Amino acid sequence: MLTVSIALHIIAAMFWVGGMLFLTLVVAPFLKTIEDETRRSEIYQVVGTKFRFFGWMAILILLVTGPLNLYYMGIPLTAIFDASFRGSDYGWTLTAKLVFVFIIVVTSLAHDFWLGPKARGSAGYSRLAMYLGRSNLIVALIIVVFAVLLRTGWR
């Protein structure tokens, strides 16, 4: 069961991070070629809204399979509150990853459900949403690095 849970976790992460990369590196530059600012905004809103549903499905899968992975590996969730566990390389890395997961979930909620809707009618909010979205991509890539370190070891 651990293998299935890890596979689902990796597929969900690939979808979410890949989607963010696609939006940032492909869709956004393409939209800059569209001169009509209103049309450009409409297209980005449609694409962003469509991705938001699937992105949040991926996040939910990650939030379910992450604790399941720990459970199947014999690590209780309470271990992250244990100083001796956090003092180990694995515990420290897991804790760091979870801190970034918390940050990205909170900032994604703010981006998708507060800032995004405000960006539709405001250049200022639109710019802020763009920066927050790009920051979330960087945080997601940091999470991937910690995930790799958890599986391969470090230090």
N, C-alpha and C. Protein backbone atom coordinates (compact mmCIF):
# COMPACT_ATOMS: atom_id res chain seq x y z
N MET A 1 0.81 -1.20 0.00
CA MET A 1 0.00 0.00 0.00
C MET A 1 0.86 1.27 0.00
N LEU A 2 2.04 1.19 0.62
CA LEU A 2 2.95 2.33 0.62
C LEU A 2 3.32 2.73 -0.80
N THR A 3 3.58 1.75 -1.65
CA THR A 3 3.96 2.04 -3.03
C THR A 3 2.86 2.79 -3.76
N VAL A 4 1.62 2.37 -3.58
CA VAL A 4 0.48 3.04 -4.22
C VAL A 4 0.34 4.47 -3.71
N SER A 5 0.46 4.63 -2.41
CA SER A 5 0.33 5.95 -1.82
C SER A 5 1.44 6.89 -2.30
N ILE A 6 2.67 6.40 -2.34
CA ILE A 6 3.78 7.23 -2.83
C ILE A 6 3.59 7.56 -4.31
N ALA A 7 3.14 6.59 -5.09
CA ALA A 7 2.91 6.84 -6.51
C ALA A 7 1.85 7.92 -6.71
N LEU A 8 0.75 7.84 -5.98
CA LEU A 8 -0.30 8.87 -6.08
C LEU A 8 0.25 10.23 -5.65
N HIS A 9 1.06 10.23 -4.60
CA HIS A 9 1.66 11.47 -4.10
C HIS A 9 2.54 12.10 -5.17
N ILE A 10 3.36 11.30 -5.81
CA ILE A 10 4.27 11.82 -6.84
C ILE A 10 3.49 12.30 -8.07
N ILE A 11 2.49 11.55 -8.49
CA ILE A 11 1.69 11.96 -9.65
C ILE A 11 0.97 13.28 -9.37
N ALA A 12 0.39 13.42 -8.18
CA ALA A 12 -0.29 14.67 -7.82
C ALA A 12 0.70 15.83 -7.79
N ALA A 13 1.89 15.60 -7.23
CA ALA A 13 2.90 16.65 -7.19
C ALA A 13 3.35 17.03 -8.60
N MET A 14 3.53 16.04 -9.45
CA MET A 14 3.92 16.31 -10.84
C MET A 14 2.86 17.16 -11.53
N PHE A 15 1.60 16.81 -11.32
CA PHE A 15 0.52 17.56 -11.96
C PHE A 15 0.50 19.00 -11.48
N TRP A 16 0.57 19.17 -10.16
CA TRP A 16 0.47 20.51 -9.60
C TRP A 16 1.66 21.38 -9.99
N VAL A 17 2.87 20.89 -9.76
CA VAL A 17 4.07 21.67 -10.08
C VAL A 17 4.19 21.84 -11.60
N GLY A 18 3.90 20.80 -12.35
CA GLY A 18 3.94 20.90 -13.81
C GLY A 18 2.95 21.93 -14.33
N GLY A 19 1.78 21.96 -13.73
CA GLY A 19 0.78 22.95 -14.14
C GLY A 19 1.24 24.37 -13.86
N MET A 20 1.86 24.56 -12.70
CA MET A 20 2.38 25.90 -12.37
C MET A 20 3.49 26.30 -13.34
N LEU A 21 4.36 25.35 -13.67
CA LEU A 21 5.42 25.63 -14.63
C LEU A 21 4.83 25.97 -16.00
N PHE A 22 3.82 25.22 -16.42
CA PHE A 22 3.18 25.46 -17.71
C PHE A 22 2.55 26.86 -17.75
N LEU A 23 1.84 27.22 -16.69
CA LEU A 23 1.21 28.55 -16.66
C LEU A 23 2.27 29.66 -16.71
N THR A 24 3.35 29.47 -15.96
CA THR A 24 4.38 30.50 -15.87
C THR A 24 5.25 30.58 -17.11
N LEU A 25 5.63 29.43 -17.65
CA LEU A 25 6.62 29.42 -18.74
C LEU A 25 6.01 29.37 -20.14
N VAL A 26 4.74 28.95 -20.24
CA VAL A 26 4.13 28.83 -21.57
C VAL A 26 2.94 29.78 -21.73
N VAL A 27 1.96 29.67 -20.84
CA VAL A 27 0.74 30.47 -21.00
C VAL A 27 1.02 31.96 -20.84
N ALA A 28 1.69 32.35 -19.75
CA ALA A 28 1.93 33.78 -19.50
C ALA A 28 2.71 34.44 -20.64
N PRO A 29 3.82 33.84 -21.12
CA PRO A 29 4.52 34.48 -22.25
C PRO A 29 3.66 34.55 -23.52
N PHE A 30 2.86 33.50 -23.76
CA PHE A 30 1.97 33.54 -24.93
C PHE A 30 0.98 34.69 -24.82
N LEU A 31 0.42 34.88 -23.64
CA LEU A 31 -0.57 35.93 -23.46
C LEU A 31 0.01 37.33 -23.67
N LYS A 32 1.30 37.48 -23.46
CA LYS A 32 1.93 38.78 -23.71
C LYS A 32 1.92 39.16 -25.18
N THR A 33 1.70 38.16 -26.05
CA THR A 33 1.65 38.44 -27.49
C THR A 33 0.27 38.96 -27.91
N ILE A 34 -0.70 38.87 -27.02
CA ILE A 34 -2.05 39.36 -27.32
C ILE A 34 -2.13 40.83 -26.91
N GLU A 35 -2.41 41.70 -27.87
CA GLU A 35 -2.39 43.14 -27.61
C GLU A 35 -3.59 43.61 -26.79
N ASP A 36 -4.75 43.03 -27.02
CA ASP A 36 -5.96 43.46 -26.31
C ASP A 36 -5.89 43.00 -24.85
N GLU A 37 -5.69 43.97 -23.96
CA GLU A 37 -5.51 43.66 -22.54
C GLU A 37 -6.73 42.97 -21.94
N THR A 38 -7.92 43.36 -22.36
CA THR A 38 -9.14 42.74 -21.84
C THR A 38 -9.20 41.28 -22.27
N ARG A 39 -8.91 41.01 -23.52
CA ARG A 39 -8.92 39.62 -24.03
C ARG A 39 -7.86 38.78 -23.33
N ARG A 40 -6.68 39.37 -23.15
CA ARG A 40 -5.59 38.67 -22.48
C ARG A 40 -6.00 38.28 -21.06
N SER A 41 -6.64 39.20 -20.36
CA SER A 41 -7.09 38.94 -18.99
C SER A 41 -8.17 37.86 -18.96
N GLU A 42 -9.10 37.92 -19.93
CA GLU A 42 -10.17 36.92 -20.00
C GLU A 42 -9.59 35.52 -20.20
N ILE A 43 -8.64 35.40 -21.11
CA ILE A 43 -8.03 34.09 -21.39
C ILE A 43 -7.33 33.56 -20.15
N TYR A 44 -6.56 34.44 -19.49
CA TYR A 44 -5.84 33.98 -18.29
C TYR A 44 -6.81 33.56 -17.19
N GLN A 45 -7.92 34.27 -17.07
CA GLN A 45 -8.92 33.92 -16.05
C GLN A 45 -9.53 32.55 -16.35
N VAL A 46 -9.83 32.28 -17.62
CA VAL A 46 -10.42 31.00 -17.99
C VAL A 46 -9.42 29.87 -17.73
N VAL A 47 -8.20 30.05 -18.19
CA VAL A 47 -7.17 29.01 -18.01
C VAL A 47 -6.89 28.81 -16.53
N GLY A 48 -6.73 29.91 -15.79
CA GLY A 48 -6.44 29.83 -14.37
C GLY A 48 -7.55 29.17 -13.58
N THR A 49 -8.79 29.51 -13.90
CA THR A 49 -9.93 28.92 -13.20
C THR A 49 -10.03 27.43 -13.49
N LYS A 50 -9.78 27.04 -14.73
CA LYS A 50 -9.81 25.62 -15.09
C LYS A 50 -8.71 24.85 -14.35
N PHE A 51 -7.51 25.42 -14.33
CA PHE A 51 -6.41 24.75 -13.62
C PHE A 51 -6.66 24.71 -12.12
N ARG A 52 -7.28 25.76 -11.58
CA ARG A 52 -7.51 25.83 -10.13
C ARG A 52 -8.24 24.60 -9.62
N PHE A 53 -9.27 24.16 -10.31
CA PHE A 53 -10.02 22.98 -9.86
C PHE A 53 -9.10 21.76 -9.78
N PHE A 54 -8.38 21.49 -10.86
CA PHE A 54 -7.51 20.31 -10.88
C PHE A 54 -6.31 20.48 -9.95
N GLY A 55 -5.82 21.70 -9.83
CA GLY A 55 -4.72 21.96 -8.91
C GLY A 55 -5.12 21.67 -7.47
N TRP A 56 -6.33 22.07 -7.09
CA TRP A 56 -6.78 21.80 -5.72
C TRP A 56 -7.09 20.32 -5.51
N MET A 57 -7.49 19.63 -6.56
CA MET A 57 -7.64 18.17 -6.43
C MET A 57 -6.28 17.53 -6.15
N ALA A 58 -5.25 18.02 -6.85
CA ALA A 58 -3.90 17.51 -6.62
C ALA A 58 -3.45 17.82 -5.20
N ILE A 59 -3.72 19.04 -4.73
CA ILE A 59 -3.35 19.41 -3.35
C ILE A 59 -4.05 18.50 -2.35
N LEU A 60 -5.33 18.24 -2.56
CA LEU A 60 -6.05 17.34 -1.64
C LEU A 60 -5.44 15.95 -1.63
N ILE A 61 -5.09 15.44 -2.80
CA ILE A 61 -4.44 14.12 -2.87
C ILE A 61 -3.12 14.16 -2.10
N LEU A 62 -2.36 15.24 -2.26
CA LEU A 62 -1.08 15.37 -1.55
C LEU A 62 -1.29 15.42 -0.04
N LEU A 63 -2.34 16.15 0.38
CA LEU A 63 -2.60 16.27 1.82
C LEU A 63 -3.12 14.98 2.44
N VAL A 64 -3.66 14.10 1.63
CA VAL A 64 -4.11 12.79 2.12
C VAL A 64 -2.96 11.78 2.06
N THR A 65 -2.28 11.74 0.92
CA THR A 65 -1.24 10.71 0.77
C THR A 65 0.02 11.01 1.58
N GLY A 66 0.29 12.27 1.86
CA GLY A 66 1.47 12.60 2.68
C GLY A 66 1.42 11.93 4.05
N PRO A 67 0.36 12.17 4.84
CA PRO A 67 0.25 11.48 6.13
C PRO A 67 0.14 9.96 5.98
N LEU A 68 -0.52 9.49 4.91
CA LEU A 68 -0.60 8.05 4.69
C LEU A 68 0.79 7.45 4.46
N ASN A 69 1.61 8.15 3.71
CA ASN A 69 2.98 7.67 3.48
C ASN A 69 3.72 7.51 4.80
N LEU A 70 3.60 8.51 5.66
CA LEU A 70 4.25 8.42 6.97
C LEU A 70 3.70 7.24 7.77
N TYR A 71 2.39 7.08 7.76
CA TYR A 71 1.74 5.98 8.49
C TYR A 71 2.27 4.63 8.00
N TYR A 72 2.30 4.45 6.68
CA TYR A 72 2.78 3.18 6.11
C TYR A 72 4.27 2.95 6.36
N MET A 73 5.00 4.03 6.60
CA MET A 73 6.43 3.90 6.92
C MET A 73 6.66 3.73 8.42
N GLY A 74 5.57 3.75 9.19
CA GLY A 74 5.69 3.56 10.63
C GLY A 74 6.06 4.81 11.40
N ILE A 75 5.84 5.97 10.80
CA ILE A 75 6.14 7.24 11.46
C ILE A 75 4.82 7.91 11.85
N PRO A 76 4.54 7.99 13.15
CA PRO A 76 3.29 8.64 13.56
C PRO A 76 3.35 10.15 13.31
N LEU A 77 2.21 10.74 13.02
CA LEU A 77 2.17 12.19 12.78
C LEU A 77 2.68 12.98 13.98
N THR A 78 2.50 12.42 15.17
CA THR A 78 2.96 13.10 16.38
C THR A 78 4.49 13.21 16.43
N ALA A 79 5.18 12.43 15.63
CA ALA A 79 6.65 12.45 15.63
C ALA A 79 7.19 13.83 15.26
N ILE A 80 6.46 14.57 14.44
CA ILE A 80 6.97 15.89 14.03
C ILE A 80 7.01 16.87 15.20
N PHE A 81 6.32 16.54 16.30
CA PHE A 81 6.35 17.40 17.48
C PHE A 81 7.38 16.92 18.49
N ASP A 82 8.07 15.85 18.17
CA ASP A 82 9.08 15.26 19.05
C ASP A 82 10.45 15.85 18.70
N ALA A 83 11.08 16.52 19.68
CA ALA A 83 12.36 17.18 19.43
C ALA A 83 13.44 16.20 18.99
N SER A 84 13.43 14.99 19.53
CA SER A 84 14.47 14.03 19.13
C SER A 84 14.27 13.59 17.68
N PHE A 85 13.02 13.46 17.23
CA PHE A 85 12.76 13.11 15.83
C PHE A 85 13.21 14.26 14.92
N ARG A 86 12.83 15.49 15.28
CA ARG A 86 13.22 16.65 14.46
C ARG A 86 14.73 16.85 14.46
N GLY A 87 15.41 16.32 15.47
CA GLY A 87 16.86 16.42 15.53
C GLY A 87 17.57 15.48 14.58
N SER A 88 16.85 14.47 14.10
CA SER A 88 17.45 13.56 13.11
C SER A 88 17.43 14.22 11.74
N ASP A 89 18.30 13.76 10.84
CA ASP A 89 18.32 14.31 9.48
C ASP A 89 16.95 14.17 8.82
N TYR A 90 16.36 12.98 8.95
CA TYR A 90 15.06 12.73 8.31
C TYR A 90 13.98 13.63 8.93
N GLY A 91 13.97 13.70 10.27
CA GLY A 91 12.97 14.51 10.96
C GLY A 91 13.09 15.98 10.63
N TRP A 92 14.35 16.48 10.56
CA TRP A 92 14.55 17.88 10.23
C TRP A 92 14.06 18.17 8.81
N THR A 93 14.42 17.30 7.88
CA THR A 93 14.03 17.48 6.48
C THR A 93 12.51 17.42 6.32
N LEU A 94 11.88 16.45 7.00
CA LEU A 94 10.42 16.35 6.93
C LEU A 94 9.76 17.59 7.51
N THR A 95 10.26 18.06 8.63
CA THR A 95 9.69 19.25 9.26
C THR A 95 9.82 20.46 8.34
N ALA A 96 11.00 20.62 7.74
CA ALA A 96 11.20 21.73 6.80
C ALA A 96 10.23 21.63 5.62
N LYS A 97 10.07 20.44 5.09
CA LYS A 97 9.13 20.24 3.97
C LYS A 97 7.71 20.61 4.40
N LEU A 98 7.32 20.18 5.58
CA LEU A 98 5.97 20.46 6.05
C LEU A 98 5.74 21.95 6.31
N VAL A 99 6.76 22.66 6.74
CA VAL A 99 6.64 24.11 6.90
C VAL A 99 6.36 24.76 5.55
N PHE A 100 7.10 24.35 4.52
CA PHE A 100 6.86 24.89 3.19
C PHE A 100 5.51 24.46 2.63
N VAL A 101 5.06 23.25 2.95
CA VAL A 101 3.72 22.81 2.53
C VAL A 101 2.66 23.71 3.16
N PHE A 102 2.81 23.99 4.44
CA PHE A 102 1.86 24.88 5.12
C PHE A 102 1.84 26.25 4.45
N ILE A 103 3.03 26.79 4.19
CA ILE A 103 3.13 28.11 3.54
C ILE A 103 2.44 28.11 2.19
N ILE A 104 2.68 27.07 1.39
CA ILE A 104 2.13 27.09 0.04
C ILE A 104 0.61 26.86 0.04
N VAL A 105 0.11 26.08 0.95
CA VAL A 105 -1.35 25.88 1.02
C VAL A 105 -2.02 27.20 1.40
N VAL A 106 -1.48 27.89 2.40
CA VAL A 106 -2.08 29.16 2.83
C VAL A 106 -1.98 30.21 1.72
N THR A 107 -0.81 30.33 1.11
CA THR A 107 -0.67 31.34 0.06
C THR A 107 -1.45 30.97 -1.21
N SER A 108 -1.62 29.69 -1.47
CA SER A 108 -2.44 29.28 -2.62
C SER A 108 -3.90 29.60 -2.38
N LEU A 109 -4.36 29.39 -1.16
CA LEU A 109 -5.73 29.78 -0.81
C LEU A 109 -5.92 31.28 -1.03
N ALA A 110 -4.97 32.08 -0.53
CA ALA A 110 -5.05 33.53 -0.70
C ALA A 110 -5.01 33.92 -2.18
N HIS A 111 -4.13 33.28 -2.94
CA HIS A 111 -3.99 33.59 -4.36
C HIS A 111 -5.25 33.23 -5.13
N ASP A 112 -5.75 32.02 -4.92
CA ASP A 112 -6.86 31.52 -5.74
C ASP A 112 -8.23 32.07 -5.36
N PHE A 113 -8.43 32.33 -4.09
CA PHE A 113 -9.78 32.67 -3.66
C PHE A 113 -9.95 34.10 -3.14
N TRP A 114 -8.85 34.83 -2.98
CA TRP A 114 -8.96 36.22 -2.56
C TRP A 114 -8.32 37.14 -3.59
N LEU A 115 -7.01 36.93 -3.84
CA LEU A 115 -6.28 37.83 -4.72
C LEU A 115 -6.68 37.65 -6.19
N GLY A 116 -6.84 36.41 -6.61
CA GLY A 116 -7.22 36.15 -8.00
C GLY A 116 -8.50 36.86 -8.41
N PRO A 117 -9.58 36.70 -7.64
CA PRO A 117 -10.81 37.42 -8.01
C PRO A 117 -10.65 38.94 -8.02
N LYS A 118 -9.85 39.49 -7.10
CA LYS A 118 -9.62 40.94 -7.08
C LYS A 118 -8.79 41.39 -8.28
N ALA A 119 -7.96 40.50 -8.81
CA ALA A 119 -7.07 40.84 -9.92
C ALA A 119 -7.85 41.09 -11.21
N ARG A 120 -9.04 40.57 -11.29
CA ARG A 120 -9.82 40.73 -12.54
C ARG A 120 -10.07 42.19 -12.88
N GLY A 121 -10.20 43.02 -11.88
CA GLY A 121 -10.53 44.42 -12.16
C GLY A 121 -9.46 45.40 -11.75
N SER A 122 -8.28 44.92 -11.43
CA SER A 122 -7.28 45.83 -10.91
C SER A 122 -5.88 45.43 -11.38
N ALA A 123 -5.19 46.38 -11.99
CA ALA A 123 -3.82 46.11 -12.44
C ALA A 123 -2.91 45.85 -11.24
N GLY A 124 -3.14 46.57 -10.14
CA GLY A 124 -2.32 46.38 -8.95
C GLY A 124 -2.48 45.00 -8.36
N TYR A 125 -3.71 44.56 -8.20
CA TYR A 125 -3.97 43.21 -7.69
C TYR A 125 -3.47 42.15 -8.67
N SER A 126 -3.59 42.45 -9.95
CA SER A 126 -3.13 41.50 -10.96
C SER A 126 -1.62 41.28 -10.84
N ARG A 127 -0.88 42.35 -10.65
CA ARG A 127 0.57 42.25 -10.50
C ARG A 127 0.91 41.50 -9.22
N LEU A 128 0.21 41.80 -8.14
CA LEU A 128 0.43 41.11 -6.87
C LEU A 128 0.13 39.62 -7.00
N ALA A 129 -0.96 39.28 -7.70
CA ALA A 129 -1.32 37.87 -7.93
C ALA A 129 -0.23 37.17 -8.74
N MET A 130 0.31 37.87 -9.73
CA MET A 130 1.37 37.28 -10.55
C MET A 130 2.60 36.98 -9.68
N TYR A 131 3.00 37.94 -8.85
CA TYR A 131 4.17 37.72 -7.99
C TYR A 131 3.93 36.61 -6.97
N LEU A 132 2.73 36.56 -6.42
CA LEU A 132 2.43 35.50 -5.45
C LEU A 132 2.42 34.13 -6.15
N GLY A 133 1.86 34.07 -7.35
CA GLY A 133 1.86 32.82 -8.11
C GLY A 133 3.28 32.35 -8.42
N ARG A 134 4.14 33.26 -8.80
CA ARG A 134 5.53 32.90 -9.09
C ARG A 134 6.26 32.49 -7.82
N SER A 135 5.96 33.17 -6.72
CA SER A 135 6.56 32.80 -5.44
C SER A 135 6.12 31.40 -5.03
N ASN A 136 4.85 31.08 -5.28
CA ASN A 136 4.35 29.74 -4.97
C ASN A 136 5.06 28.68 -5.80
N LEU A 137 5.38 29.01 -7.03
CA LEU A 137 6.13 28.06 -7.85
C LEU A 137 7.50 27.79 -7.24
N ILE A 138 8.17 28.83 -6.78
CA ILE A 138 9.48 28.65 -6.15
C ILE A 138 9.35 27.80 -4.88
N VAL A 139 8.32 28.08 -4.08
CA VAL A 139 8.10 27.29 -2.86
C VAL A 139 7.82 25.83 -3.24
N ALA A 140 7.03 25.61 -4.28
CA ALA A 140 6.73 24.24 -4.71
C ALA A 140 8.01 23.51 -5.12
N LEU A 141 8.90 24.19 -5.80
CA LEU A 141 10.16 23.57 -6.20
C LEU A 141 11.05 23.27 -4.98
N ILE A 142 11.00 24.14 -3.98
CA ILE A 142 11.72 23.87 -2.73
C ILE A 142 11.16 22.62 -2.06
N ILE A 143 9.84 22.47 -2.07
CA ILE A 143 9.20 21.28 -1.50
C ILE A 143 9.68 20.03 -2.23
N VAL A 144 9.78 20.11 -3.55
CA VAL A 144 10.27 18.97 -4.34
C VAL A 144 11.70 18.61 -3.91
N VAL A 145 12.53 19.61 -3.70
CA VAL A 145 13.90 19.34 -3.26
C VAL A 145 13.89 18.60 -1.92
N PHE A 146 13.09 19.07 -0.98
CA PHE A 146 13.01 18.39 0.32
C PHE A 146 12.45 16.97 0.17
N ALA A 147 11.51 16.78 -0.74
CA ALA A 147 10.95 15.45 -0.97
C ALA A 147 12.04 14.50 -1.49
N VAL A 148 12.87 14.99 -2.39
CA VAL A 148 13.97 14.18 -2.91
C VAL A 148 14.94 13.84 -1.78
N LEU A 149 15.24 14.83 -0.96
CA LEU A 149 16.15 14.60 0.17
C LEU A 149 15.59 13.58 1.14
N LEU A 150 14.28 13.57 1.33
CA LEU A 150 13.67 12.57 2.21
C LEU A 150 13.87 11.17 1.68
N ARG A 151 13.80 11.00 0.39
CA ARG A 151 13.93 9.65 -0.20
C ARG A 151 15.38 9.23 -0.38
N THR A 152 16.28 10.21 -0.55
CA THR A 152 17.67 9.85 -0.85
C THR A 152 18.63 10.08 0.31
N GLY A 153 18.17 10.77 1.32
CA GLY A 153 19.04 11.09 2.45
C GLY A 153 19.81 12.36 2.17
N TRP A 154 20.39 12.89 3.24
CA TRP A 154 21.15 14.12 3.05
C TRP A 154 22.08 14.35 4.22
N ARG A 155 23.03 15.20 4.03
CA ARG A 155 24.08 15.59 4.97
C ARG A 155 25.22 14.66 4.94
